[in-house]
Amino acid sequence: MMKCEEVSKLVSQSLDRRLPLHQRIGIRLHLMMCKLCTQNFLQLLDLRKTFQLFMKENDNIEPPEILPHEKKAEIKKEIHRISDKQ
């Protein structure tokens, strides 16, 4: 069985990419037995939903003025890529 530390890392990674089947199964088995990791997983899901809602409501958000224009554009592009992916 996976340890909590490994599950925590994999759960976080699973928000960004699809994990291989064996890792998804390992996470599910661990979550069925570990209350703390289940709570952590649910909190991460809530955080992601909150971020998505924030991005929908604040689509015109701008990065800080101290950044060069090119970096602002990169950050904005990445934020939209991540929020569209979810």
C-alpha atoms as a PDB file:
ATOM      1  CA  MET A   1       0.000   0.000   0.000  1.00  0.00           C
ATOM      2  CA  MET A   2       1.145   3.547  -0.731  1.00  0.00           C
ATOM      3  CA  LYS A   3       2.329   5.797   2.069  1.00  0.00           C
ATOM      4  CA  CYS A   4       0.572   9.075   2.850  1.00  0.00           C
ATOM      5  CA  GLU A   5       3.468  11.174   1.527  1.00  0.00           C
ATOM      6  CA  GLU A   6       3.377   9.421  -1.860  1.00  0.00           C
ATOM      7  CA  VAL A   7      -0.401   9.670  -2.064  1.00  0.00           C
ATOM      8  CA  SER A   8      -0.261  13.381  -1.268  1.00  0.00           C
ATOM      9  CA  LYS A   9       2.190  14.003  -4.124  1.00  0.00           C
ATOM     10  CA  LEU A  10       0.215  11.883  -6.570  1.00  0.00           C
ATOM     11  CA  VAL A  11      -3.107  13.492  -5.652  1.00  0.00           C
ATOM     12  CA  SER A  12      -1.571  16.885  -6.324  1.00  0.00           C
ATOM     13  CA  GLN A  13      -0.168  15.684  -9.651  1.00  0.00           C
ATOM     14  CA  SER A  14      -3.535  14.199 -10.590  1.00  0.00           C
ATOM     15  CA  LEU A  15      -5.018  17.697 -10.619  1.00  0.00           C
ATOM     16  CA  ASP A  16      -2.631  18.623 -13.446  1.00  0.00           C
ATOM     17  CA  ARG A  17      -2.459  15.429 -15.459  1.00  0.00           C
ATOM     18  CA  ARG A  18      -4.023  11.998 -15.794  1.00  0.00           C
ATOM     19  CA  LEU A  19      -2.092   9.436 -13.781  1.00  0.00           C
ATOM     20  CA  PRO A  20      -1.427   5.857 -14.931  1.00  0.00           C
ATOM     21  CA  LEU A  21      -4.079   3.328 -13.927  1.00  0.00           C
ATOM     22  CA  HIS A  22      -1.926   1.595 -11.287  1.00  0.00           C
ATOM     23  CA  GLN A  23      -1.339   4.920  -9.509  1.00  0.00           C
ATOM     24  CA  ARG A  24      -5.031   5.858  -9.631  1.00  0.00           C
ATOM     25  CA  ILE A  25      -5.948   2.478  -8.159  1.00  0.00           C
ATOM     26  CA  GLY A  26      -3.281   2.837  -5.455  1.00  0.00           C
ATOM     27  CA  ILE A  27      -4.615   6.269  -4.520  1.00  0.00           C
ATOM     28  CA  ARG A  28      -8.211   5.002  -4.339  1.00  0.00           C
ATOM     29  CA  LEU A  29      -7.238   2.068  -2.135  1.00  0.00           C
ATOM     30  CA  HIS A  30      -5.274   4.350   0.174  1.00  0.00           C
ATOM     31  CA  LEU A  31      -8.093   6.904   0.364  1.00  0.00           C
ATOM     32  CA  MET A  32     -10.541   4.154   1.347  1.00  0.00           C
ATOM     33  CA  MET A  33      -8.385   3.431   4.408  1.00  0.00           C
ATOM     34  CA  CYS A  34      -6.891   6.815   5.345  1.00  0.00           C
ATOM     35  CA  LYS A  35      -9.165   9.545   6.653  1.00  0.00           C
ATOM     36  CA  LEU A  36      -6.471  12.242   6.692  1.00  0.00           C
ATOM     37  CA  CYS A  37      -5.499  11.720   3.063  1.00  0.00           C
ATOM     38  CA  THR A  38      -9.171  11.673   2.084  1.00  0.00           C
ATOM     39  CA  GLN A  39      -9.661  15.019   3.823  1.00  0.00           C
ATOM     40  CA  ASN A  40      -6.567  16.388   2.078  1.00  0.00           C
ATOM     41  CA  PHE A  41      -7.888  15.163  -1.283  1.00  0.00           C
ATOM     42  CA  LEU A  42     -11.296  16.766  -0.720  1.00  0.00           C
ATOM     43  CA  GLN A  43      -9.662  20.034   0.339  1.00  0.00           C
ATOM     44  CA  LEU A  44      -7.586  20.085  -2.836  1.00  0.00           C
ATOM     45  CA  LEU A  45     -10.723  19.522  -4.916  1.00  0.00           C
ATOM     46  CA  ASP A  46     -12.460  22.379  -3.101  1.00  0.00           C
ATOM     47  CA  LEU A  47      -9.457  24.617  -3.648  1.00  0.00           C
ATOM     48  CA  ARG A  48      -9.431  23.803  -7.360  1.00  0.00           C
ATOM     49  CA  LYS A  49     -13.158  24.525  -7.653  1.00  0.00           C
ATOM     50  CA  THR A  50     -12.699  27.807  -5.801  1.00  0.00           C
ATOM     51  CA  PHE A  51      -9.845  28.809  -8.103  1.00  0.00           C
ATOM     52  CA  GLN A  52     -11.902  27.928 -11.192  1.00  0.00           C
ATOM     53  CA  LEU A  53     -14.827  29.987  -9.931  1.00  0.00           C
ATOM     54  CA  PHE A  54     -12.509  32.889  -9.141  1.00  0.00           C
ATOM     55  CA  MET A  55     -11.033  32.749 -12.648  1.00  0.00           C
ATOM     56  CA  LYS A  56     -14.492  32.717 -14.257  1.00  0.00           C
ATOM     57  CA  GLU A  57     -15.557  35.734 -12.233  1.00  0.00           C
ATOM     58  CA  ASN A  58     -12.253  37.586 -12.703  1.00  0.00           C
ATOM     59  CA  ASP A  59     -11.399  36.819 -16.310  1.00  0.00           C
ATOM     60  CA  ASN A  60      -9.881  40.254 -16.794  1.00  0.00           C
ATOM     61  CA  ILE A  61      -7.425  39.992 -13.876  1.00  0.00           C
ATOM     62  CA  GLU A  62      -4.020  41.500 -14.640  1.00  0.00           C
ATOM     63  CA  PRO A  63      -0.598  40.480 -13.282  1.00  0.00           C
ATOM     64  CA  PRO A  64       1.246  43.080 -11.159  1.00  0.00           C
ATOM     65  CA  GLU A  65       2.618  46.157 -12.939  1.00  0.00           C
ATOM     66  CA  ILE A  66       6.227  45.459 -11.922  1.00  0.00           C
ATOM     67  CA  LEU A  67       6.491  42.547 -14.369  1.00  0.00           C
ATOM     68  CA  PRO A  68       7.645  43.057 -17.957  1.00  0.00           C
ATOM     69  CA  HIS A  69       4.846  42.948 -20.540  1.00  0.00           C
ATOM     70  CA  GLU A  70       6.111  39.619 -21.955  1.00  0.00           C
ATOM     71  CA  LYS A  71       5.986  37.937 -18.536  1.00  0.00           C
ATOM     72  CA  LYS A  72       2.490  39.278 -17.893  1.00  0.00           C
ATOM     73  CA  ALA A  73       1.336  37.760 -21.186  1.00  0.00           C
ATOM     74  CA  GLU A  74       2.968  34.414 -20.317  1.00  0.00           C
ATOM     75  CA  ILE A  75       1.325  34.332 -16.872  1.00  0.00           C
ATOM     76  CA  LYS A  76      -2.085  35.232 -18.263  1.00  0.00           C
ATOM     77  CA  LYS A  77      -1.771  32.585 -20.985  1.00  0.00           C
ATOM     78  CA  GLU A  78      -0.790  29.924 -18.428  1.00  0.00           C
ATOM     79  CA  ILE A  79      -3.650  30.838 -16.089  1.00  0.00           C
ATOM     80  CA  HIS A  80      -6.148  30.518 -18.925  1.00  0.00           C
ATOM     81  CA  ARG A  81      -4.574  27.229 -20.073  1.00  0.00           C
ATOM     82  CA  ILE A  82      -4.879  25.746 -16.594  1.00  0.00           C
ATOM     83  CA  SER A  83      -8.406  27.011 -15.975  1.00  0.00           C
ATOM     84  CA  ASP A  84      -9.584  25.791 -19.407  1.00  0.00           C
ATOM     85  CA  LYS A  85      -8.042  22.377 -18.700  1.00  0.00           C
ATOM     86  CA  GLN A  86     -10.088  21.983 -15.534  1.00  0.00           C
END
